[in-house]
Amino acid sequence: MAEKKDIDEFTGIETTGHDWDGIKELNNPLPRWWIWTFYVTVAWGLAYTVVYPAWPLLSSSTQGIFGWSSRASLAESVSAADAARADLVSAVAEKDVAAIVADDNLRQFAINGGKAAYKVNCVQCHGSGATGSPGYPNLNDDDWIWGGTIEEIHTTLMHGVRSEADDDTRLSDMPAFGADDLLDDDQISDVAWYVRKISGQEADEAAAGRGASVYADECASCHGDNGEGVRDVGGPRLSDAIWLYGGSHDEIVVQIAKPRQGVMPGWQARLGDVTVKQMAVYVHSLGGGE
């Protein structure tokens, strides 16, 4: 006799015969269309591994009968992009930065290329928005130690600041007035108060008065008679509210006593002339350039 089918009394559907502590499984087969769709996707996947690189081998992989390669495809795309911008790259290489800025089309091309290079090489110190951080200059303002014209920015990028690898680097060293016993603690404190005064901050007037003469003797040659800075020697401006290492009295004292000397690499040797020009145009375009 044929085996009697087990029918679920609540749904009227045949069960599979499986039973787990009184819980039975209904025999609801998948729809035919779903099963055939699954078979088609399996066949498609197998075919894909035949025509494209797929199966790993000991030192490589199967190449596929189409011979397609993601690396070759990328190289082809890069070559096409290089060819499309070859004329603009040549123009950047031939012209100086002032001429690039004067040409609207070339300027925009340089800004785009310089922005990409900046994101790779400069954000670590100057930040993604070029606003800087303690010890690293803000590139959006008008306070430029070595000058903010397009030519001056280009020179700084090319050769860096205190970069040992570049013989033409920007070079300025502030004496360690405290560590080298050039000034005593009281003189350093007085000069710090004077610097706060000329920068428009609250200051001890008596101490600032004493510090004025010390400033004139020891600091004015690099920072200017009124703290306006001397770019030819890389002397920062002291008469505004922009501070690289902080503008409190204690922070100024520390910088006078044992100054921190920042270092920026020269990018000419690393990135090449075209990229450095593009970076200069981009930095100049941020609004802080002159």
C-alpha atoms as a PDB file:
ATOM      1  CA  MET A   1       0.000   0.000   0.000  1.00  0.00           C
ATOM      2  CA  ALA A   2       1.128   3.527  -0.725  1.00  0.00           C
ATOM      3  CA  GLU A   3       2.478   5.371   2.270  1.00  0.00           C
ATOM      4  CA  LYS A   4      -0.179   7.585   3.756  1.00  0.00           C
ATOM      5  CA  LYS A   5       0.556  11.273   3.356  1.00  0.00           C
ATOM      6  CA  ASP A   6       0.806  13.424   6.442  1.00  0.00           C
ATOM      7  CA  ILE A   7      -1.464  16.410   6.003  1.00  0.00           C
ATOM      8  CA  ASP A   8      -1.294  19.382   8.375  1.00  0.00           C
ATOM      9  CA  GLU A   9      -4.691  19.692  10.006  1.00  0.00           C
ATOM     10  CA  PHE A  10      -4.599  23.490  10.211  1.00  0.00           C
ATOM     11  CA  THR A  11      -3.442  24.382   6.664  1.00  0.00           C
ATOM     12  CA  GLY A  12      -4.370  21.246   4.757  1.00  0.00           C
ATOM     13  CA  ILE A  13      -0.854  21.179   3.259  1.00  0.00           C
ATOM     14  CA  GLU A  14       1.213  18.025   3.078  1.00  0.00           C
ATOM     15  CA  THR A  15       4.222  18.002   5.430  1.00  0.00           C
ATOM     16  CA  THR A  16       7.724  16.812   4.656  1.00  0.00           C
ATOM     17  CA  GLY A  17       7.524  14.214   7.400  1.00  0.00           C
ATOM     18  CA  HIS A  18      10.081  16.007   9.539  1.00  0.00           C
ATOM     19  CA  ASP A  19       9.101  16.430  13.149  1.00  0.00           C
ATOM     20  CA  TRP A  20      10.886  18.451  15.854  1.00  0.00           C
ATOM     21  CA  ASP A  21       9.203  18.114  19.228  1.00  0.00           C
ATOM     22  CA  GLY A  22       5.800  18.159  17.560  1.00  0.00           C
ATOM     23  CA  ILE A  23       6.686  20.945  15.150  1.00  0.00           C
ATOM     24  CA  LYS A  24       6.270  19.830  11.548  1.00  0.00           C
ATOM     25  CA  GLU A  25       7.617  21.339   8.314  1.00  0.00           C
ATOM     26  CA  LEU A  26       5.159  22.120   5.527  1.00  0.00           C
ATOM     27  CA  ASN A  27       6.075  20.895   2.093  1.00  0.00           C
ATOM     28  CA  ASN A  28       5.952  24.188   0.186  1.00  0.00           C
ATOM     29  CA  PRO A  29       8.261  23.836  -2.876  1.00  0.00           C
ATOM     30  CA  LEU A  30       9.901  26.935  -4.293  1.00  0.00           C
ATOM     31  CA  PRO A  31       8.181  28.430  -7.339  1.00  0.00           C
ATOM     32  CA  ARG A  32       9.408  27.060 -10.645  1.00  0.00           C
ATOM     33  CA  TRP A  33      10.361  30.529 -11.907  1.00  0.00           C
ATOM     34  CA  TRP A  34      12.601  31.055  -8.861  1.00  0.00           C
ATOM     35  CA  ILE A  35      14.341  27.708  -9.349  1.00  0.00           C
ATOM     36  CA  TRP A  36      15.025  28.368 -13.038  1.00  0.00           C
ATOM     37  CA  THR A  37      16.278  31.879 -12.214  1.00  0.00           C
ATOM     38  CA  PHE A  38      18.694  30.336  -9.738  1.00  0.00           C
ATOM     39  CA  TYR A  39      19.952  27.869 -12.345  1.00  0.00           C
ATOM     40  CA  VAL A  40      20.482  30.701 -14.817  1.00  0.00           C
ATOM     41  CA  THR A  41      22.529  32.725 -12.316  1.00  0.00           C
ATOM     42  CA  VAL A  42      24.697  29.679 -11.572  1.00  0.00           C
ATOM     43  CA  ALA A  43      25.296  29.176 -15.282  1.00  0.00           C
ATOM     44  CA  TRP A  44      26.037  32.894 -15.687  1.00  0.00           C
ATOM     45  CA  GLY A  45      28.568  32.790 -12.842  1.00  0.00           C
ATOM     46  CA  LEU A  46      30.376  29.785 -14.325  1.00  0.00           C
ATOM     47  CA  ALA A  47      30.488  31.430 -17.743  1.00  0.00           C
ATOM     48  CA  TYR A  48      31.853  34.628 -16.169  1.00  0.00           C
ATOM     49  CA  THR A  49      34.772  32.754 -14.626  1.00  0.00           C
ATOM     50  CA  VAL A  50      35.605  31.336 -18.047  1.00  0.00           C
ATOM     51  CA  VAL A  51      35.677  34.600 -20.006  1.00  0.00           C
ATOM     52  CA  TYR A  52      37.199  36.845 -17.292  1.00  0.00           C
ATOM     53  CA  PRO A  53      40.126  36.358 -14.858  1.00  0.00           C
ATOM     54  CA  ALA A  54      38.814  34.430 -11.883  1.00  0.00           C
ATOM     55  CA  TRP A  55      40.355  31.240 -10.541  1.00  0.00           C
ATOM     56  CA  PRO A  56      43.491  31.677  -8.414  1.00  0.00           C
ATOM     57  CA  LEU A  57      46.571  29.652  -9.313  1.00  0.00           C
ATOM     58  CA  LEU A  58      49.890  29.256  -7.482  1.00  0.00           C
ATOM     59  CA  SER A  59      51.440  32.511  -8.727  1.00  0.00           C
ATOM     60  CA  SER A  60      48.714  34.114 -10.833  1.00  0.00           C
ATOM     61  CA  SER A  61      45.143  33.388 -11.927  1.00  0.00           C
ATOM     62  CA  THR A  62      43.259  32.194 -14.964  1.00  0.00           C
ATOM     63  CA  GLN A  63      43.323  34.957 -17.582  1.00  0.00           C
ATOM     64  CA  GLY A  64      39.919  34.343 -19.140  1.00  0.00           C
ATOM     65  CA  ILE A  65      39.260  33.899 -22.860  1.00  0.00           C
ATOM     66  CA  PHE A  66      38.526  37.639 -23.268  1.00  0.00           C
ATOM     67  CA  GLY A  67      41.988  38.530 -21.944  1.00  0.00           C
ATOM     68  CA  TRP A  68      40.572  41.469 -19.967  1.00  0.00           C
ATOM     69  CA  SER A  69      42.640  43.025 -17.143  1.00  0.00           C
ATOM     70  CA  SER A  70      41.619  45.671 -14.613  1.00  0.00           C
ATOM     71  CA  ARG A  71      45.206  46.972 -14.592  1.00  0.00           C
ATOM     72  CA  ALA A  72      45.243  47.293 -18.358  1.00  0.00           C
ATOM     73  CA  SER A  73      41.868  49.014 -18.262  1.00  0.00           C
ATOM     74  CA  LEU A  74      43.136  51.491 -15.667  1.00  0.00           C
ATOM     75  CA  ALA A  75      46.305  52.142 -17.658  1.00  0.00           C
ATOM     76  CA  GLU A  76      44.203  52.809 -20.745  1.00  0.00           C
ATOM     77  CA  SER A  77      41.971  55.258 -18.827  1.00  0.00           C
ATOM     78  CA  VAL A  78      44.991  57.072 -17.374  1.00  0.00           C
ATOM     79  CA  SER A  79      46.624  57.295 -20.805  1.00  0.00           C
ATOM     80  CA  ALA A  80      43.434  58.747 -22.250  1.00  0.00           C
ATOM     81  CA  ALA A  81      43.234  61.308 -19.440  1.00  0.00           C
ATOM     82  CA  ASP A  82      46.902  62.247 -19.893  1.00  0.00           C
ATOM     83  CA  ALA A  83      46.383  62.707 -23.612  1.00  0.00           C
ATOM     84  CA  ALA A  84      43.305  64.873 -23.040  1.00  0.00           C
ATOM     85  CA  ARG A  85      45.168  67.272 -20.758  1.00  0.00           C
ATOM     86  CA  ALA A  86      48.554  67.139 -22.462  1.00  0.00           C
ATOM     87  CA  ASP A  87      48.194  70.622 -23.985  1.00  0.00           C
ATOM     88  CA  LEU A  88      47.303  72.173 -20.635  1.00  0.00           C
ATOM     89  CA  VAL A  89      50.163  70.392 -18.856  1.00  0.00           C
ATOM     90  CA  SER A  90      52.582  71.645 -21.516  1.00  0.00           C
ATOM     91  CA  ALA A  91      51.270  75.176 -21.094  1.00  0.00           C
ATOM     92  CA  VAL A  92      51.775  75.013 -17.315  1.00  0.00           C
ATOM     93  CA  ALA A  93      55.310  73.714 -17.848  1.00  0.00           C
ATOM     94  CA  GLU A  94      56.186  76.516 -20.288  1.00  0.00           C
ATOM     95  CA  LYS A  95      54.663  79.478 -18.450  1.00  0.00           C
ATOM     96  CA  ASP A  96      55.614  81.086 -15.164  1.00  0.00           C
ATOM     97  CA  VAL A  97      53.089  81.143 -12.330  1.00  0.00           C
ATOM     98  CA  ALA A  98      52.041  84.748 -12.959  1.00  0.00           C
ATOM     99  CA  ALA A  99      51.147  83.943 -16.575  1.00  0.00           C
ATOM    100  CA  ILE A 100      49.212  80.861 -15.432  1.00  0.00           C
ATOM    101  CA  VAL A 101      47.125  82.937 -13.028  1.00  0.00           C
ATOM    102  CA  ALA A 102      46.427  85.486 -15.772  1.00  0.00           C
ATOM    103  CA  ASP A 103      44.930  82.816 -18.057  1.00  0.00           C
ATOM    104  CA  ASP A 104      41.471  81.886 -16.690  1.00  0.00           C
ATOM    105  CA  ASN A 105      41.339  78.450 -18.336  1.00  0.00           C
ATOM    106  CA  LEU A 106      44.884  77.538 -17.363  1.00  0.00           C
ATOM    107  CA  ARG A 107      44.392  78.937 -13.869  1.00  0.00           C
ATOM    108  CA  GLN A 108      41.343  76.726 -13.244  1.00  0.00           C
ATOM    109  CA  PHE A 109      43.205  73.690 -14.555  1.00  0.00           C
ATOM    110  CA  ALA A 110      46.126  74.448 -12.242  1.00  0.00           C
ATOM    111  CA  ILE A 111      43.816  74.959  -9.250  1.00  0.00           C
ATOM    112  CA  ASN A 112      42.196  71.563  -9.803  1.00  0.00           C
ATOM    113  CA  GLY A 113      45.544  69.802 -10.148  1.00  0.00           C
ATOM    114  CA  GLY A 114      47.046  71.692  -7.220  1.00  0.00           C
ATOM    115  CA  LYS A 115      44.101  70.832  -4.984  1.00  0.00           C
ATOM    116  CA  ALA A 116      44.583  67.134  -5.685  1.00  0.00           C
ATOM    117  CA  ALA A 117      48.321  67.369  -4.970  1.00  0.00           C
ATOM    118  CA  TYR A 118      47.630  69.368  -1.796  1.00  0.00           C
ATOM    119  CA  LYS A 119      45.307  66.650  -0.459  1.00  0.00           C
ATOM    120  CA  VAL A 120      48.030  64.050  -0.884  1.00  0.00           C
ATOM    121  CA  ASN A 121      51.051  66.011   0.341  1.00  0.00           C
ATOM    122  CA  CYS A 122      49.999  68.963   2.505  1.00  0.00           C
ATOM    123  CA  VAL A 123      46.909  68.196   4.587  1.00  0.00           C
ATOM    124  CA  GLN A 124      48.986  66.355   7.186  1.00  0.00           C
ATOM    125  CA  CYS A 125      50.419  69.690   8.378  1.00  0.00           C
ATOM    126  CA  HIS A 126      48.164  72.450   7.058  1.00  0.00           C
ATOM    127  CA  GLY A 127      44.828  70.632   7.396  1.00  0.00           C
ATOM    128  CA  SER A 128      42.213  69.698   4.816  1.00  0.00           C
ATOM    129  CA  GLY A 129      40.894  73.256   4.782  1.00  0.00           C
ATOM    130  CA  ALA A 130      44.408  74.781   4.855  1.00  0.00           C
ATOM    131  CA  THR A 131      43.595  76.449   8.183  1.00  0.00           C
ATOM    132  CA  GLY A 132      46.752  75.131   9.810  1.00  0.00           C
ATOM    133  CA  SER A 133      47.257  74.140  13.436  1.00  0.00           C
ATOM    134  CA  PRO A 134      49.712  75.088  16.218  1.00  0.00           C
ATOM    135  CA  GLY A 135      53.125  75.206  14.560  1.00  0.00           C
ATOM    136  CA  TYR A 136      51.720  74.921  11.032  1.00  0.00           C
ATOM    137  CA  PRO A 137      50.676  78.119   9.214  1.00  0.00           C
ATOM    138  CA  ASN A 138      47.142  78.935   8.124  1.00  0.00           C
ATOM    139  CA  LEU A 139      47.211  79.382   4.345  1.00  0.00           C
ATOM    140  CA  ASN A 140      43.903  81.254   4.200  1.00  0.00           C
ATOM    141  CA  ASP A 141      44.993  84.450   5.934  1.00  0.00           C
ATOM    142  CA  ASP A 142      47.222  87.359   4.914  1.00  0.00           C
ATOM    143  CA  ASP A 143      50.083  86.648   7.315  1.00  0.00           C
ATOM    144  CA  TRP A 144      52.937  85.321   5.169  1.00  0.00           C
ATOM    145  CA  ILE A 145      56.378  84.952   6.701  1.00  0.00           C
ATOM    146  CA  TRP A 146      58.088  84.755   3.308  1.00  0.00           C
ATOM    147  CA  GLY A 147      55.490  86.655   1.279  1.00  0.00           C
ATOM    148  CA  GLY A 148      52.141  85.697  -0.207  1.00  0.00           C
ATOM    149  CA  THR A 149      52.428  86.713  -3.851  1.00  0.00           C
ATOM    150  CA  ILE A 150      52.089  83.896  -6.364  1.00  0.00           C
ATOM    151  CA  GLU A 151      55.831  84.066  -7.113  1.00  0.00           C
ATOM    152  CA  GLU A 152      56.793  83.999  -3.428  1.00  0.00           C
ATOM    153  CA  ILE A 153      54.479  81.084  -2.686  1.00  0.00           C
ATOM    154  CA  HIS A 154      55.940  79.216  -5.653  1.00  0.00           C
ATOM    155  CA  THR A 155      59.490  79.768  -4.383  1.00  0.00           C
ATOM    156  CA  THR A 156      58.591  78.569  -0.890  1.00  0.00           C
ATOM    157  CA  LEU A 157      56.956  75.428  -2.274  1.00  0.00           C
ATOM    158  CA  MET A 158      59.881  74.720  -4.558  1.00  0.00           C
ATOM    159  CA  HIS A 159      62.620  74.969  -1.967  1.00  0.00           C
ATOM    160  CA  GLY A 160      60.840  74.579   1.370  1.00  0.00           C
ATOM    161  CA  VAL A 161      61.745  76.115   4.710  1.00  0.00           C
ATOM    162  CA  ARG A 162      64.853  74.915   6.544  1.00  0.00           C
ATOM    163  CA  SER A 163      64.892  71.888   4.251  1.00  0.00           C
ATOM    164  CA  GLU A 164      68.293  70.241   4.525  1.00  0.00           C
ATOM    165  CA  ALA A 165      67.836  68.538   1.155  1.00  0.00           C
ATOM    166  CA  ASP A 166      67.580  71.836  -0.753  1.00  0.00           C
ATOM    167  CA  ASP A 167      70.500  74.265  -0.994  1.00  0.00           C
ATOM    168  CA  ASP A 168      68.136  77.118  -1.913  1.00  0.00           C
ATOM    169  CA  THR A 169      65.710  76.561   0.938  1.00  0.00           C
ATOM    170  CA  ARG A 170      64.158  79.439   2.865  1.00  0.00           C
ATOM    171  CA  LEU A 171      66.361  79.795   5.905  1.00  0.00           C
ATOM    172  CA  SER A 172      65.891  81.818   9.075  1.00  0.00           C
ATOM    173  CA  ASP A 173      66.846  80.896  12.615  1.00  0.00           C
ATOM    174  CA  MET A 174      65.668  82.742  15.686  1.00  0.00           C
ATOM    175  CA  PRO A 175      68.289  82.888  18.443  1.00  0.00           C
ATOM    176  CA  ALA A 176      67.539  81.002  21.626  1.00  0.00           C
ATOM    177  CA  PHE A 177      67.684  84.065  23.849  1.00  0.00           C
ATOM    178  CA  GLY A 178      67.115  82.102  27.032  1.00  0.00           C
ATOM    179  CA  ALA A 179      68.821  78.775  26.351  1.00  0.00           C
ATOM    180  CA  ASP A 180      71.945  80.564  25.064  1.00  0.00           C
ATOM    181  CA  ASP A 181      71.906  83.178  27.873  1.00  0.00           C
ATOM    182  CA  LEU A 182      71.530  86.100  25.474  1.00  0.00           C
ATOM    183  CA  LEU A 183      68.835  87.612  27.693  1.00  0.00           C
ATOM    184  CA  ASP A 184      67.947  86.986  31.308  1.00  0.00           C
ATOM    185  CA  ASP A 185      64.499  85.836  32.457  1.00  0.00           C
ATOM    186  CA  ASP A 186      63.321  89.349  33.354  1.00  0.00           C
ATOM    187  CA  GLN A 187      64.311  90.731  29.956  1.00  0.00           C
ATOM    188  CA  ILE A 188      62.537  87.889  28.173  1.00  0.00           C
ATOM    189  CA  SER A 189      59.409  88.452  30.238  1.00  0.00           C
ATOM    190  CA  ASP A 190      59.512  92.188  29.515  1.00  0.00           C
ATOM    191  CA  VAL A 191      59.918  91.639  25.770  1.00  0.00           C
ATOM    192  CA  ALA A 192      57.003  89.194  25.811  1.00  0.00           C
ATOM    193  CA  TRP A 193      54.816  91.857  27.434  1.00  0.00           C
ATOM    194  CA  TYR A 194      55.947  94.362  24.818  1.00  0.00           C
ATOM    195  CA  VAL A 195      55.072  91.956  22.004  1.00  0.00           C
ATOM    196  CA  ARG A 196      51.619  91.494  23.506  1.00  0.00           C
ATOM    197  CA  LYS A 197      51.217  95.276  23.614  1.00  0.00           C
ATOM    198  CA  ILE A 198      52.131  95.865  19.957  1.00  0.00           C
ATOM    199  CA  SER A 199      49.802  93.027  18.956  1.00  0.00           C
ATOM    200  CA  GLY A 200      46.885  94.771  20.613  1.00  0.00           C
ATOM    201  CA  GLN A 201      46.563  92.458  23.601  1.00  0.00           C
ATOM    202  CA  GLU A 202      46.427  93.204  27.319  1.00  0.00           C
ATOM    203  CA  ALA A 203      49.888  93.794  28.710  1.00  0.00           C
ATOM    204  CA  ASP A 204      51.755  94.854  31.828  1.00  0.00           C
ATOM    205  CA  GLU A 205      52.472  98.465  30.826  1.00  0.00           C
ATOM    206  CA  ALA A 206      55.521  98.890  33.039  1.00  0.00           C
ATOM    207  CA  ALA A 207      57.070  95.642  31.839  1.00  0.00           C
ATOM    208  CA  ALA A 208      56.202  96.456  28.211  1.00  0.00           C
ATOM    209  CA  GLY A 209      57.925  99.821  28.600  1.00  0.00           C
ATOM    210  CA  ARG A 210      61.116  98.109  29.741  1.00  0.00           C
ATOM    211  CA  GLY A 211      60.764  95.507  27.000  1.00  0.00           C
ATOM    212  CA  ALA A 212      60.562  98.135  24.267  1.00  0.00           C
ATOM    213  CA  SER A 213      64.260  98.950  24.463  1.00  0.00           C
ATOM    214  CA  VAL A 214      65.235  95.278  24.582  1.00  0.00           C
ATOM    215  CA  TYR A 215      63.037  94.667  21.535  1.00  0.00           C
ATOM    216  CA  ALA A 216      64.677  97.515  19.640  1.00  0.00           C
ATOM    217  CA  ASP A 217      68.146  96.127  20.354  1.00  0.00           C
ATOM    218  CA  GLU A 218      67.514  92.411  19.883  1.00  0.00           C
ATOM    219  CA  CYS A 219      64.351  91.850  17.802  1.00  0.00           C
ATOM    220  CA  ALA A 220      63.594  94.776  15.487  1.00  0.00           C
ATOM    221  CA  SER A 221      66.154  93.755  12.860  1.00  0.00           C
ATOM    222  CA  CYS A 222      64.100  90.640  12.047  1.00  0.00           C
ATOM    223  CA  HIS A 223      60.581  91.545  13.161  1.00  0.00           C
ATOM    224  CA  GLY A 224      60.551  95.229  12.210  1.00  0.00           C
ATOM    225  CA  ASP A 225      60.549  98.368  14.314  1.00  0.00           C
ATOM    226  CA  ASN A 226      56.823  98.064  14.990  1.00  0.00           C
ATOM    227  CA  GLY A 227      56.519  94.289  14.750  1.00  0.00           C
ATOM    228  CA  GLU A 228      55.396  94.364  11.119  1.00  0.00           C
ATOM    229  CA  GLY A 229      57.785  91.542  10.186  1.00  0.00           C
ATOM    230  CA  VAL A 230      60.656  91.445   7.707  1.00  0.00           C
ATOM    231  CA  ARG A 231      59.975  88.976   4.922  1.00  0.00           C
ATOM    232  CA  ASP A 232      63.441  89.189   3.380  1.00  0.00           C
ATOM    233  CA  VAL A 233      64.837  87.377   6.418  1.00  0.00           C
ATOM    234  CA  GLY A 234      61.718  85.350   7.302  1.00  0.00           C
ATOM    235  CA  GLY A 235      60.883  87.402  10.383  1.00  0.00           C
ATOM    236  CA  PRO A 236      57.208  86.855  11.322  1.00  0.00           C
ATOM    237  CA  ARG A 237      54.823  89.728  11.917  1.00  0.00           C
ATOM    238  CA  LEU A 238      54.140  90.285  15.613  1.00  0.00           C
ATOM    239  CA  SER A 239      51.695  93.181  15.456  1.00  0.00           C
ATOM    240  CA  ASP A 240      48.516  91.212  14.764  1.00  0.00           C
ATOM    241  CA  ALA A 241      46.481  88.430  16.402  1.00  0.00           C
ATOM    242  CA  ILE A 242      47.859  85.593  14.262  1.00  0.00           C
ATOM    243  CA  TRP A 243      50.209  83.326  16.196  1.00  0.00           C
ATOM    244  CA  LEU A 244      52.017  80.199  15.065  1.00  0.00           C
ATOM    245  CA  TYR A 245      52.856  78.943  18.564  1.00  0.00           C
ATOM    246  CA  GLY A 246      50.388  80.902  20.679  1.00  0.00           C
ATOM    247  CA  GLY A 247      50.098  84.527  21.784  1.00  0.00           C
ATOM    248  CA  SER A 248      49.757  84.306  25.560  1.00  0.00           C
ATOM    249  CA  HIS A 249      52.531  85.806  27.667  1.00  0.00           C
ATOM    250  CA  ASP A 250      53.803  82.372  28.720  1.00  0.00           C
ATOM    251  CA  GLU A 251      53.756  81.033  25.158  1.00  0.00           C
ATOM    252  CA  ILE A 252      55.657  84.041  23.860  1.00  0.00           C
ATOM    253  CA  VAL A 253      58.212  83.639  26.659  1.00  0.00           C
ATOM    254  CA  VAL A 254      58.789  80.020  25.685  1.00  0.00           C
ATOM    255  CA  GLN A 255      59.284  80.959  22.035  1.00  0.00           C
ATOM    256  CA  ILE A 256      61.792  83.686  22.901  1.00  0.00           C
ATOM    257  CA  ALA A 257      63.712  81.550  25.380  1.00  0.00           C
ATOM    258  CA  LYS A 258      63.936  78.401  23.248  1.00  0.00           C
ATOM    259  CA  PRO A 259      62.279  78.932  19.876  1.00  0.00           C
ATOM    260  CA  ARG A 260      60.666  76.165  17.888  1.00  0.00           C
ATOM    261  CA  GLN A 261      61.862  76.166  14.291  1.00  0.00           C
ATOM    262  CA  GLY A 262      59.436  74.634  11.797  1.00  0.00           C
ATOM    263  CA  VAL A 263      60.585  72.681   8.767  1.00  0.00           C
ATOM    264  CA  MET A 264      58.856  72.297   5.417  1.00  0.00           C
ATOM    265  CA  PRO A 265      60.277  70.088   2.655  1.00  0.00           C
ATOM    266  CA  GLY A 266      61.106  71.487  -0.757  1.00  0.00           C
ATOM    267  CA  TRP A 267      58.655  69.907  -3.206  1.00  0.00           C
ATOM    268  CA  GLN A 268      60.464  70.577  -6.478  1.00  0.00           C
ATOM    269  CA  ALA A 269      62.535  67.398  -6.416  1.00  0.00           C
ATOM    270  CA  ARG A 270      59.654  65.242  -5.187  1.00  0.00           C
ATOM    271  CA  LEU A 271      56.758  66.442  -7.317  1.00  0.00           C
ATOM    272  CA  GLY A 272      58.282  68.144 -10.337  1.00  0.00           C
ATOM    273  CA  ASP A 273      57.867  71.616 -11.785  1.00  0.00           C
ATOM    274  CA  VAL A 274      54.312  71.270 -13.142  1.00  0.00           C
ATOM    275  CA  THR A 275      52.793  69.966  -9.903  1.00  0.00           C
ATOM    276  CA  VAL A 276      54.571  72.566  -7.776  1.00  0.00           C
ATOM    277  CA  LYS A 277      53.242  75.348 -10.014  1.00  0.00           C
ATOM    278  CA  GLN A 278      49.738  73.918  -9.702  1.00  0.00           C
ATOM    279  CA  MET A 279      50.040  73.751  -5.912  1.00  0.00           C
ATOM    280  CA  ALA A 280      51.235  77.363  -5.828  1.00  0.00           C
ATOM    281  CA  VAL A 281      48.235  78.500  -7.870  1.00  0.00           C
ATOM    282  CA  TYR A 282      45.876  76.502  -5.651  1.00  0.00           C
ATOM    283  CA  VAL A 283      47.300  77.895  -2.391  1.00  0.00           C
ATOM    284  CA  HIS A 284      47.200  81.414  -3.842  1.00  0.00           C
ATOM    285  CA  SER A 285      43.554  80.895  -4.818  1.00  0.00           C
ATOM    286  CA  LEU A 286      42.500  80.161  -1.216  1.00  0.00           C
ATOM    287  CA  GLY A 287      42.196  83.887  -0.640  1.00  0.00           C
ATOM    288  CA  GLY A 288      45.113  84.496   1.676  1.00  0.00           C
ATOM    289  CA  GLY A 289      47.622  85.113  -1.100  1.00  0.00           C
ATOM    290  CA  GLU A 290      48.542  88.605  -2.205  1.00  0.00           C
END
